[in-house]
Amino acid sequence: MFFVSVMPMVINNTPIFLLQWVSMAVYLTFGLLAEMIMVQLGILVFLLRLKIQKDQLFRLPLNSLLFFT
């Protein structure tokens, strides 16, 4: 999951990553709790990899909440 988060595809200056497929495999193998934790860590790694600026820091909790729900 972290490998997918660190290497997003950039199409038209928009980073795209296929975390859903890895998330599904983790869910089916280890269960819901492990999948939720791995997705949160994957999103955190992805946003840190993008090196967001200070005015975009609202994305950390917003994306975390979005993927958690």
N, C-alpha and C. Protein backbone atom coordinates (compact mmCIF):
# COMPACT_ATOMS: atom_id res chain seq x y z
N MET A 1 0.82 -1.19 0.00
CA MET A 1 0.00 0.00 0.00
C MET A 1 0.87 1.25 0.00
N PHE A 2 1.98 1.21 0.72
CA PHE A 2 2.85 2.39 0.77
C PHE A 2 3.55 2.60 -0.56
N PHE A 3 3.86 1.51 -1.27
CA PHE A 3 4.49 1.64 -2.58
C PHE A 3 3.56 2.34 -3.56
N VAL A 4 2.29 2.02 -3.51
CA VAL A 4 1.29 2.68 -4.38
C VAL A 4 1.15 4.14 -4.00
N SER A 5 1.22 4.45 -2.72
CA SER A 5 1.08 5.84 -2.26
C SER A 5 2.27 6.69 -2.64
N VAL A 6 3.46 6.10 -2.64
CA VAL A 6 4.66 6.87 -2.92
C VAL A 6 4.85 7.14 -4.40
N MET A 7 4.29 6.29 -5.25
CA MET A 7 4.48 6.43 -6.70
C MET A 7 3.15 6.68 -7.42
N PRO A 8 2.57 7.87 -7.26
CA PRO A 8 1.32 8.15 -7.97
C PRO A 8 1.58 8.44 -9.44
N MET A 9 0.58 8.20 -10.27
CA MET A 9 0.63 8.59 -11.68
C MET A 9 0.21 10.04 -11.77
N VAL A 10 0.88 10.82 -12.59
CA VAL A 10 0.50 12.23 -12.76
C VAL A 10 -0.04 12.38 -14.18
N ILE A 11 -1.33 12.71 -14.27
CA ILE A 11 -1.99 12.91 -15.54
C ILE A 11 -2.58 14.31 -15.53
N ASN A 12 -2.14 15.14 -16.47
CA ASN A 12 -2.58 16.55 -16.56
C ASN A 12 -2.34 17.29 -15.25
N ASN A 13 -1.17 17.10 -14.66
CA ASN A 13 -0.75 17.73 -13.41
C ASN A 13 -1.66 17.37 -12.23
N THR A 14 -2.33 16.24 -12.31
CA THR A 14 -3.17 15.74 -11.22
C THR A 14 -2.65 14.37 -10.79
N PRO A 15 -2.22 14.25 -9.54
CA PRO A 15 -1.72 12.94 -9.09
C PRO A 15 -2.88 11.95 -8.89
N ILE A 16 -2.71 10.76 -9.44
CA ILE A 16 -3.72 9.70 -9.33
C ILE A 16 -3.04 8.47 -8.78
N PHE A 17 -3.65 7.86 -7.78
CA PHE A 17 -3.09 6.63 -7.24
C PHE A 17 -4.21 5.61 -7.06
N LEU A 18 -3.89 4.35 -7.24
CA LEU A 18 -4.88 3.28 -7.23
C LEU A 18 -4.86 2.56 -5.89
N LEU A 19 -5.21 3.28 -4.86
CA LEU A 19 -5.19 2.72 -3.51
C LEU A 19 -6.37 1.80 -3.26
N GLN A 20 -7.44 1.94 -4.01
CA GLN A 20 -8.65 1.15 -3.77
C GLN A 20 -8.40 -0.34 -3.98
N TRP A 21 -7.61 -0.70 -4.98
CA TRP A 21 -7.37 -2.11 -5.28
C TRP A 21 -6.55 -2.76 -4.17
N VAL A 22 -5.55 -2.06 -3.69
CA VAL A 22 -4.74 -2.59 -2.60
C VAL A 22 -5.57 -2.64 -1.32
N SER A 23 -6.39 -1.63 -1.12
CA SER A 23 -7.25 -1.59 0.05
C SER A 23 -8.22 -2.77 0.06
N MET A 24 -8.75 -3.12 -1.08
CA MET A 24 -9.67 -4.26 -1.17
C MET A 24 -8.96 -5.56 -0.81
N ALA A 25 -7.74 -5.73 -1.27
CA ALA A 25 -6.98 -6.94 -0.95
C ALA A 25 -6.67 -7.02 0.55
N VAL A 26 -6.32 -5.89 1.16
CA VAL A 26 -6.05 -5.87 2.60
C VAL A 26 -7.33 -6.17 3.36
N TYR A 27 -8.45 -5.62 2.93
CA TYR A 27 -9.73 -5.86 3.60
C TYR A 27 -10.12 -7.34 3.54
N LEU A 28 -9.99 -7.94 2.37
CA LEU A 28 -10.37 -9.33 2.24
C LEU A 28 -9.43 -10.28 2.98
N THR A 29 -8.17 -9.88 3.13
CA THR A 29 -7.20 -10.73 3.79
C THR A 29 -7.19 -10.55 5.30
N PHE A 30 -7.17 -9.31 5.77
CA PHE A 30 -6.95 -9.04 7.19
C PHE A 30 -8.17 -8.47 7.93
N GLY A 31 -9.13 -7.94 7.23
CA GLY A 31 -10.32 -7.42 7.88
C GLY A 31 -10.43 -5.91 7.83
N LEU A 32 -11.51 -5.43 8.40
CA LEU A 32 -11.86 -4.01 8.30
C LEU A 32 -10.90 -3.10 9.08
N LEU A 33 -10.55 -3.48 10.29
CA LEU A 33 -9.69 -2.63 11.11
C LEU A 33 -8.31 -2.45 10.47
N ALA A 34 -7.72 -3.52 9.99
CA ALA A 34 -6.41 -3.43 9.33
C ALA A 34 -6.50 -2.59 8.07
N GLU A 35 -7.59 -2.73 7.33
CA GLU A 35 -7.76 -1.95 6.10
C GLU A 35 -7.90 -0.46 6.41
N MET A 36 -8.65 -0.11 7.45
CA MET A 36 -8.82 1.30 7.81
C MET A 36 -7.49 1.91 8.24
N ILE A 37 -6.72 1.19 9.01
CA ILE A 37 -5.41 1.70 9.45
C ILE A 37 -4.46 1.86 8.28
N MET A 38 -4.43 0.88 7.39
CA MET A 38 -3.52 0.94 6.24
C MET A 38 -3.91 2.08 5.29
N VAL A 39 -5.19 2.30 5.09
CA VAL A 39 -5.62 3.40 4.21
C VAL A 39 -5.24 4.74 4.81
N GLN A 40 -5.41 4.91 6.12
CA GLN A 40 -5.04 6.17 6.77
C GLN A 40 -3.54 6.42 6.62
N LEU A 41 -2.74 5.39 6.84
CA LEU A 41 -1.29 5.55 6.70
C LEU A 41 -0.90 5.78 5.24
N GLY A 42 -1.58 5.12 4.32
CA GLY A 42 -1.31 5.32 2.90
C GLY A 42 -1.63 6.73 2.44
N ILE A 43 -2.74 7.28 2.90
CA ILE A 43 -3.10 8.66 2.55
C ILE A 43 -2.10 9.65 3.15
N LEU A 44 -1.67 9.40 4.36
CA LEU A 44 -0.67 10.27 5.00
C LEU A 44 0.64 10.25 4.21
N VAL A 45 1.08 9.07 3.82
CA VAL A 45 2.31 8.96 3.02
C VAL A 45 2.14 9.66 1.68
N PHE A 46 0.98 9.51 1.05
CA PHE A 46 0.72 10.14 -0.23
C PHE A 46 0.76 11.66 -0.13
N LEU A 47 0.11 12.22 0.89
CA LEU A 47 0.09 13.67 1.04
C LEU A 47 1.46 14.22 1.43
N LEU A 48 2.22 13.47 2.21
CA LEU A 48 3.58 13.91 2.52
C LEU A 48 4.47 13.84 1.29
N ARG A 49 4.22 12.86 0.42
CA ARG A 49 5.00 12.73 -0.81
C ARG A 49 4.73 13.89 -1.76
N LEU A 50 3.50 14.41 -1.74
CA LEU A 50 3.17 15.54 -2.61
C LEU A 50 3.79 16.85 -2.15
N LYS A 51 4.27 16.89 -0.89
CA LYS A 51 4.88 18.09 -0.31
C LYS A 51 3.94 19.29 -0.45
N ILE A 52 2.81 19.18 0.22
CA ILE A 52 1.83 20.25 0.16
C ILE A 52 2.31 21.48 0.93
N GLN A 53 1.87 22.65 0.48
CA GLN A 53 2.26 23.90 1.11
C GLN A 53 1.41 24.14 2.36
N LYS A 54 1.80 25.17 3.12
CA LYS A 54 1.10 25.47 4.38
C LYS A 54 -0.35 25.87 4.15
N ASP A 55 -0.64 26.52 3.03
CA ASP A 55 -2.02 26.92 2.79
C ASP A 55 -2.89 25.73 2.38
N GLN A 56 -2.30 24.59 2.10
CA GLN A 56 -3.03 23.40 1.72
C GLN A 56 -3.05 22.33 2.82
N LEU A 57 -2.63 22.69 4.04
CA LEU A 57 -2.57 21.71 5.13
C LEU A 57 -3.94 21.20 5.57
N PHE A 58 -5.00 21.88 5.18
CA PHE A 58 -6.33 21.40 5.52
C PHE A 58 -6.62 20.06 4.86
N ARG A 59 -5.83 19.69 3.85
CA ARG A 59 -6.05 18.43 3.15
C ARG A 59 -5.76 17.21 4.02
N LEU A 60 -4.85 17.33 4.98
CA LEU A 60 -4.51 16.18 5.81
C LEU A 60 -5.72 15.65 6.58
N PRO A 61 -6.36 16.45 7.43
CA PRO A 61 -7.52 15.90 8.15
C PRO A 61 -8.74 15.68 7.25
N LEU A 62 -8.89 16.51 6.21
CA LEU A 62 -10.03 16.37 5.33
C LEU A 62 -9.97 15.05 4.56
N ASN A 63 -8.82 14.73 3.97
CA ASN A 63 -8.67 13.47 3.25
C ASN A 63 -8.73 12.28 4.19
N SER A 64 -8.18 12.43 5.38
CA SER A 64 -8.23 11.35 6.36
C SER A 64 -9.68 11.03 6.73
N LEU A 65 -10.45 12.06 6.99
CA LEU A 65 -11.86 11.87 7.33
C LEU A 65 -12.64 11.30 6.16
N LEU A 66 -12.35 11.76 4.97
CA LEU A 66 -13.05 11.29 3.77
C LEU A 66 -12.82 9.79 3.58
N PHE A 67 -11.57 9.34 3.66
CA PHE A 67 -11.29 7.93 3.44
C PHE A 67 -11.68 7.07 4.64
N PHE A 68 -11.74 7.66 5.83
CA PHE A 68 -12.15 6.91 7.00
C PHE A 68 -13.64 6.55 6.93
N THR A 69 -14.43 7.52 6.45
CA THR A 69 -15.88 7.26 6.36
C THR A 69 -16.17 6.41 5.15
